[in-house]
Amino acid sequence: MKFITKNKRETQKLARHLSGEFLKRSNPKKALVIALSGNLGAGKTTFAQWFAKPLGVKESVKSPTFVLMQIFKTGRTLPNGKRRLVHIDTYRIKRPSDMLRIGLKDILKDPKNIILIEWAEKIKGLLPKDGTWIYFKHAGRNRRIIIVSMTPHQILKSA
């Protein structure tokens, strides 16, 4: 699916909508994994902030570039037993194996987790094949092209 947002508000609205849609379709036996890809300033963090709101996350969601990961409790009971939002940013990692040292495998296995990963292309080999990929691209001024796909290959080819 391809979306074009004309401003930050439309990107926020899309994030809120997709949050609910992904959650409804999530498997109660698996973590919900959403890989975010795109250039600096393309809207990944803005998307993550507004994706978190319908989940009931009360804390401010900021890019975890320097801490690599932030974990938030959802503020309400969610469908399919999801209880945590795990926000990961792999921008600064040198090798995918760096993420294994901070427990990525266990995070990906926990069915209570909703996981958003910025710069996910850096660790695509570690991610489950059934995750959702979202690619963000500048389209002039405040416009963004946002492509949602089930495979990284479709996303990264269209970039």
C-alpha atoms as a PDB file:
ATOM      1  CA  MET A   1       0.000   0.000   0.000  1.00  0.00           C
ATOM      2  CA  LYS A   2       1.240   3.452  -0.814  1.00  0.00           C
ATOM      3  CA  PHE A   3       0.220   6.630   0.996  1.00  0.00           C
ATOM      4  CA  ILE A   4       1.160  10.231   0.337  1.00  0.00           C
ATOM      5  CA  THR A   5       0.873  12.600   3.272  1.00  0.00           C
ATOM      6  CA  LYS A   6       0.944  16.335   2.656  1.00  0.00           C
ATOM      7  CA  ASN A   7       1.987  17.445   6.129  1.00  0.00           C
ATOM      8  CA  LYS A   8       2.979  16.265   9.589  1.00  0.00           C
ATOM      9  CA  ARG A   9      -0.640  16.107  10.737  1.00  0.00           C
ATOM     10  CA  GLU A  10      -1.563  13.671   7.943  1.00  0.00           C
ATOM     11  CA  THR A  11       1.450  11.495   8.806  1.00  0.00           C
ATOM     12  CA  GLN A  12       0.316  11.476  12.448  1.00  0.00           C
ATOM     13  CA  LYS A  13      -3.231  10.541  11.446  1.00  0.00           C
ATOM     14  CA  LEU A  14      -1.948   7.695   9.264  1.00  0.00           C
ATOM     15  CA  ALA A  15       0.234   6.389  12.121  1.00  0.00           C
ATOM     16  CA  ARG A  16      -2.751   6.314  14.493  1.00  0.00           C
ATOM     17  CA  HIS A  17      -4.864   4.510  11.906  1.00  0.00           C
ATOM     18  CA  LEU A  18      -2.211   1.908  11.093  1.00  0.00           C
ATOM     19  CA  SER A  19      -1.584   1.319  14.800  1.00  0.00           C
ATOM     20  CA  GLY A  20      -5.147   0.132  15.221  1.00  0.00           C
ATOM     21  CA  GLU A  21      -5.186  -1.867  11.994  1.00  0.00           C
ATOM     22  CA  PHE A  22      -1.928  -3.696  12.720  1.00  0.00           C
ATOM     23  CA  LEU A  23      -3.032  -4.468  16.249  1.00  0.00           C
ATOM     24  CA  LYS A  24      -6.362  -5.934  15.079  1.00  0.00           C
ATOM     25  CA  ARG A  25      -4.526  -8.218  12.672  1.00  0.00           C
ATOM     26  CA  SER A  26      -1.719  -9.202  15.032  1.00  0.00           C
ATOM     27  CA  ASN A  27      -1.144 -12.802  16.032  1.00  0.00           C
ATOM     28  CA  PRO A  28      -1.624 -13.369  19.798  1.00  0.00           C
ATOM     29  CA  LYS A  29       1.175 -15.960  19.705  1.00  0.00           C
ATOM     30  CA  LYS A  30       3.796 -13.670  18.140  1.00  0.00           C
ATOM     31  CA  ALA A  31       5.316 -10.256  18.680  1.00  0.00           C
ATOM     32  CA  LEU A  32       4.027  -7.605  16.287  1.00  0.00           C
ATOM     33  CA  VAL A  33       7.129  -6.417  14.392  1.00  0.00           C
ATOM     34  CA  ILE A  34       7.075  -3.246  12.305  1.00  0.00           C
ATOM     35  CA  ALA A  35      10.260  -2.276  10.508  1.00  0.00           C
ATOM     36  CA  LEU A  36      10.664   1.421   9.635  1.00  0.00           C
ATOM     37  CA  SER A  37      13.057   2.465   6.890  1.00  0.00           C
ATOM     38  CA  GLY A  38      13.917   5.773   5.222  1.00  0.00           C
ATOM     39  CA  ASN A  39      16.366   8.667   5.179  1.00  0.00           C
ATOM     40  CA  LEU A  40      17.076  11.008   8.085  1.00  0.00           C
ATOM     41  CA  GLY A  41      14.112  13.278   8.732  1.00  0.00           C
ATOM     42  CA  ALA A  42      11.745  11.213   6.586  1.00  0.00           C
ATOM     43  CA  GLY A  43       9.198  10.752   9.384  1.00  0.00           C
ATOM     44  CA  LYS A  44      10.075   7.498  11.155  1.00  0.00           C
ATOM     45  CA  THR A  45      10.132   8.949  14.666  1.00  0.00           C
ATOM     46  CA  THR A  46       7.043  11.110  14.111  1.00  0.00           C
ATOM     47  CA  PHE A  47       5.284   7.960  12.936  1.00  0.00           C
ATOM     48  CA  ALA A  48       6.440   6.043  16.044  1.00  0.00           C
ATOM     49  CA  GLN A  49       5.240   8.812  18.377  1.00  0.00           C
ATOM     50  CA  TRP A  50       1.745   8.799  16.927  1.00  0.00           C
ATOM     51  CA  PHE A  51       1.629   5.028  16.503  1.00  0.00           C
ATOM     52  CA  ALA A  52       2.079   4.804  20.292  1.00  0.00           C
ATOM     53  CA  LYS A  53      -0.815   7.101  21.230  1.00  0.00           C
ATOM     54  CA  PRO A  54      -3.717   4.691  20.500  1.00  0.00           C
ATOM     55  CA  LEU A  55      -1.812   2.028  22.456  1.00  0.00           C
ATOM     56  CA  GLY A  56      -2.200   4.164  25.575  1.00  0.00           C
ATOM     57  CA  VAL A  57       1.509   4.936  25.960  1.00  0.00           C
ATOM     58  CA  LYS A  58       1.669   7.899  28.353  1.00  0.00           C
ATOM     59  CA  GLU A  59       5.394   8.687  28.144  1.00  0.00           C
ATOM     60  CA  SER A  60       6.916  10.855  25.456  1.00  0.00           C
ATOM     61  CA  VAL A  61       8.209   8.664  22.645  1.00  0.00           C
ATOM     62  CA  LYS A  62      11.501  10.012  21.351  1.00  0.00           C
ATOM     63  CA  SER A  63      14.035   8.511  19.005  1.00  0.00           C
ATOM     64  CA  PRO A  64      16.193   6.050  20.968  1.00  0.00           C
ATOM     65  CA  THR A  65      19.216   6.719  18.739  1.00  0.00           C
ATOM     66  CA  PHE A  66      21.668   6.933  21.647  1.00  0.00           C
ATOM     67  CA  VAL A  67      20.125   4.347  23.975  1.00  0.00           C
ATOM     68  CA  LEU A  68      19.153   1.981  21.103  1.00  0.00           C
ATOM     69  CA  MET A  69      15.901   0.907  22.755  1.00  0.00           C
ATOM     70  CA  GLN A  70      13.043   2.162  24.917  1.00  0.00           C
ATOM     71  CA  ILE A  71      10.291  -0.006  26.364  1.00  0.00           C
ATOM     72  CA  PHE A  72       6.876   1.432  27.185  1.00  0.00           C
ATOM     73  CA  LYS A  73       3.916  -0.192  28.897  1.00  0.00           C
ATOM     74  CA  THR A  74       0.669   0.231  27.060  1.00  0.00           C
ATOM     75  CA  GLY A  75      -1.830   2.231  29.062  1.00  0.00           C
ATOM     76  CA  ARG A  76      -4.776   0.013  28.344  1.00  0.00           C
ATOM     77  CA  THR A  77      -5.724  -3.562  27.570  1.00  0.00           C
ATOM     78  CA  LEU A  78      -4.966  -4.259  23.935  1.00  0.00           C
ATOM     79  CA  PRO A  79      -6.248  -6.928  21.583  1.00  0.00           C
ATOM     80  CA  ASN A  80      -4.254 -10.132  21.299  1.00  0.00           C
ATOM     81  CA  GLY A  81      -2.511  -9.734  24.666  1.00  0.00           C
ATOM     82  CA  LYS A  82      -0.060  -7.025  23.634  1.00  0.00           C
ATOM     83  CA  ARG A  83       1.272  -5.098  26.652  1.00  0.00           C
ATOM     84  CA  ARG A  84       4.513  -3.371  25.657  1.00  0.00           C
ATOM     85  CA  LEU A  85       5.755  -1.087  22.920  1.00  0.00           C
ATOM     86  CA  VAL A  86       9.440  -1.635  22.228  1.00  0.00           C
ATOM     87  CA  HIS A  87      10.945   1.219  20.197  1.00  0.00           C
ATOM     88  CA  ILE A  88      14.353   0.397  18.711  1.00  0.00           C
ATOM     89  CA  ASP A  89      16.692   2.565  16.639  1.00  0.00           C
ATOM     90  CA  THR A  90      19.590   0.815  14.892  1.00  0.00           C
ATOM     91  CA  TYR A  91      21.071   3.933  13.248  1.00  0.00           C
ATOM     92  CA  ARG A  92      24.280   3.798  15.310  1.00  0.00           C
ATOM     93  CA  ILE A  93      24.974   0.068  15.288  1.00  0.00           C
ATOM     94  CA  LYS A  94      28.010  -1.198  13.396  1.00  0.00           C
ATOM     95  CA  ARG A  95      26.950  -4.848  12.978  1.00  0.00           C
ATOM     96  CA  PRO A  96      23.585  -6.602  13.298  1.00  0.00           C
ATOM     97  CA  SER A  97      25.094  -8.857  15.986  1.00  0.00           C
ATOM     98  CA  ASP A  98      25.321  -5.755  18.232  1.00  0.00           C
ATOM     99  CA  MET A  99      21.544  -6.023  18.662  1.00  0.00           C
ATOM    100  CA  LEU A 100      21.797  -9.621  19.828  1.00  0.00           C
ATOM    101  CA  ARG A 101      23.869  -8.461  22.800  1.00  0.00           C
ATOM    102  CA  ILE A 102      20.981  -6.355  24.067  1.00  0.00           C
ATOM    103  CA  GLY A 103      18.510  -9.249  23.862  1.00  0.00           C
ATOM    104  CA  LEU A 104      16.848  -8.698  20.488  1.00  0.00           C
ATOM    105  CA  LYS A 105      16.027 -12.394  20.036  1.00  0.00           C
ATOM    106  CA  ASP A 106      14.075 -12.512  23.305  1.00  0.00           C
ATOM    107  CA  ILE A 107      12.288  -9.252  22.485  1.00  0.00           C
ATOM    108  CA  LEU A 108      11.244 -10.618  19.081  1.00  0.00           C
ATOM    109  CA  LYS A 109       9.964 -13.862  20.640  1.00  0.00           C
ATOM    110  CA  ASP A 110       7.757 -12.259  23.296  1.00  0.00           C
ATOM    111  CA  PRO A 111       4.135 -12.276  22.055  1.00  0.00           C
ATOM    112  CA  LYS A 112       3.278  -9.395  24.397  1.00  0.00           C
ATOM    113  CA  ASN A 113       5.507  -7.007  22.423  1.00  0.00           C
ATOM    114  CA  ILE A 114       4.716  -4.496  19.713  1.00  0.00           C
ATOM    115  CA  ILE A 115       8.085  -3.640  18.202  1.00  0.00           C
ATOM    116  CA  LEU A 116       8.890  -0.594  16.063  1.00  0.00           C
ATOM    117  CA  ILE A 117      12.400  -0.615  14.607  1.00  0.00           C
ATOM    118  CA  GLU A 118      13.863   2.497  12.983  1.00  0.00           C
ATOM    119  CA  TRP A 119      16.618   1.882  10.407  1.00  0.00           C
ATOM    120  CA  ALA A 120      15.456  -1.734  10.304  1.00  0.00           C
ATOM    121  CA  GLU A 121      17.292  -2.434   7.052  1.00  0.00           C
ATOM    122  CA  LYS A 122      20.494  -2.593   9.111  1.00  0.00           C
ATOM    123  CA  ILE A 123      19.243  -5.737  10.861  1.00  0.00           C
ATOM    124  CA  LYS A 124      16.822  -7.189   8.300  1.00  0.00           C
ATOM    125  CA  GLY A 125      18.458 -10.620   8.516  1.00  0.00           C
ATOM    126  CA  LEU A 126      17.547 -10.833  12.202  1.00  0.00           C
ATOM    127  CA  LEU A 127      13.902  -9.896  11.754  1.00  0.00           C
ATOM    128  CA  PRO A 128      11.037 -12.341  11.274  1.00  0.00           C
ATOM    129  CA  LYS A 129       9.925 -12.881   7.693  1.00  0.00           C
ATOM    130  CA  ASP A 130       6.304 -12.081   8.594  1.00  0.00           C
ATOM    131  CA  GLY A 131       6.981  -8.569   9.891  1.00  0.00           C
ATOM    132  CA  THR A 132       5.577  -5.456   8.260  1.00  0.00           C
ATOM    133  CA  TRP A 133       7.916  -2.985   6.546  1.00  0.00           C
ATOM    134  CA  ILE A 134       7.164   0.718   6.201  1.00  0.00           C
ATOM    135  CA  TYR A 135       9.351   2.893   3.996  1.00  0.00           C
ATOM    136  CA  PHE A 136       9.346   6.698   4.350  1.00  0.00           C
ATOM    137  CA  LYS A 137      10.536   8.997   1.608  1.00  0.00           C
ATOM    138  CA  HIS A 138      10.645  12.795   1.303  1.00  0.00           C
ATOM    139  CA  ALA A 139       8.419  14.062  -1.511  1.00  0.00           C
ATOM    140  CA  GLY A 140       9.145  17.796  -1.249  1.00  0.00           C
ATOM    141  CA  ARG A 141       8.338  20.272   1.503  1.00  0.00           C
ATOM    142  CA  ASN A 142       6.353  18.443   4.208  1.00  0.00           C
ATOM    143  CA  ARG A 143       5.096  15.710   1.886  1.00  0.00           C
ATOM    144  CA  ARG A 144       5.987  12.073   2.487  1.00  0.00           C
ATOM    145  CA  ILE A 145       5.561   8.911   0.478  1.00  0.00           C
ATOM    146  CA  ILE A 146       4.856   6.065   2.883  1.00  0.00           C
ATOM    147  CA  ILE A 147       4.876   2.519   1.534  1.00  0.00           C
ATOM    148  CA  VAL A 148       3.617  -0.397   3.631  1.00  0.00           C
ATOM    149  CA  SER A 149       4.748  -3.880   2.616  1.00  0.00           C
ATOM    150  CA  MET A 150       5.105  -7.349   4.021  1.00  0.00           C
ATOM    151  CA  THR A 151       8.637  -7.849   2.689  1.00  0.00           C
ATOM    152  CA  PRO A 152      11.797  -5.759   2.937  1.00  0.00           C
ATOM    153  CA  HIS A 153      12.725  -6.661  -0.623  1.00  0.00           C
ATOM    154  CA  GLN A 154       9.666  -4.912  -2.074  1.00  0.00           C
ATOM    155  CA  ILE A 155      10.323  -1.877   0.100  1.00  0.00           C
ATOM    156  CA  LEU A 156      14.042  -1.547  -0.499  1.00  0.00           C
ATOM    157  CA  LYS A 157      13.676  -2.021  -4.273  1.00  0.00           C
ATOM    158  CA  SER A 158      11.079   0.737  -4.532  1.00  0.00           C
ATOM    159  CA  ALA A 159      13.160   3.183  -2.489  1.00  0.00           C
END
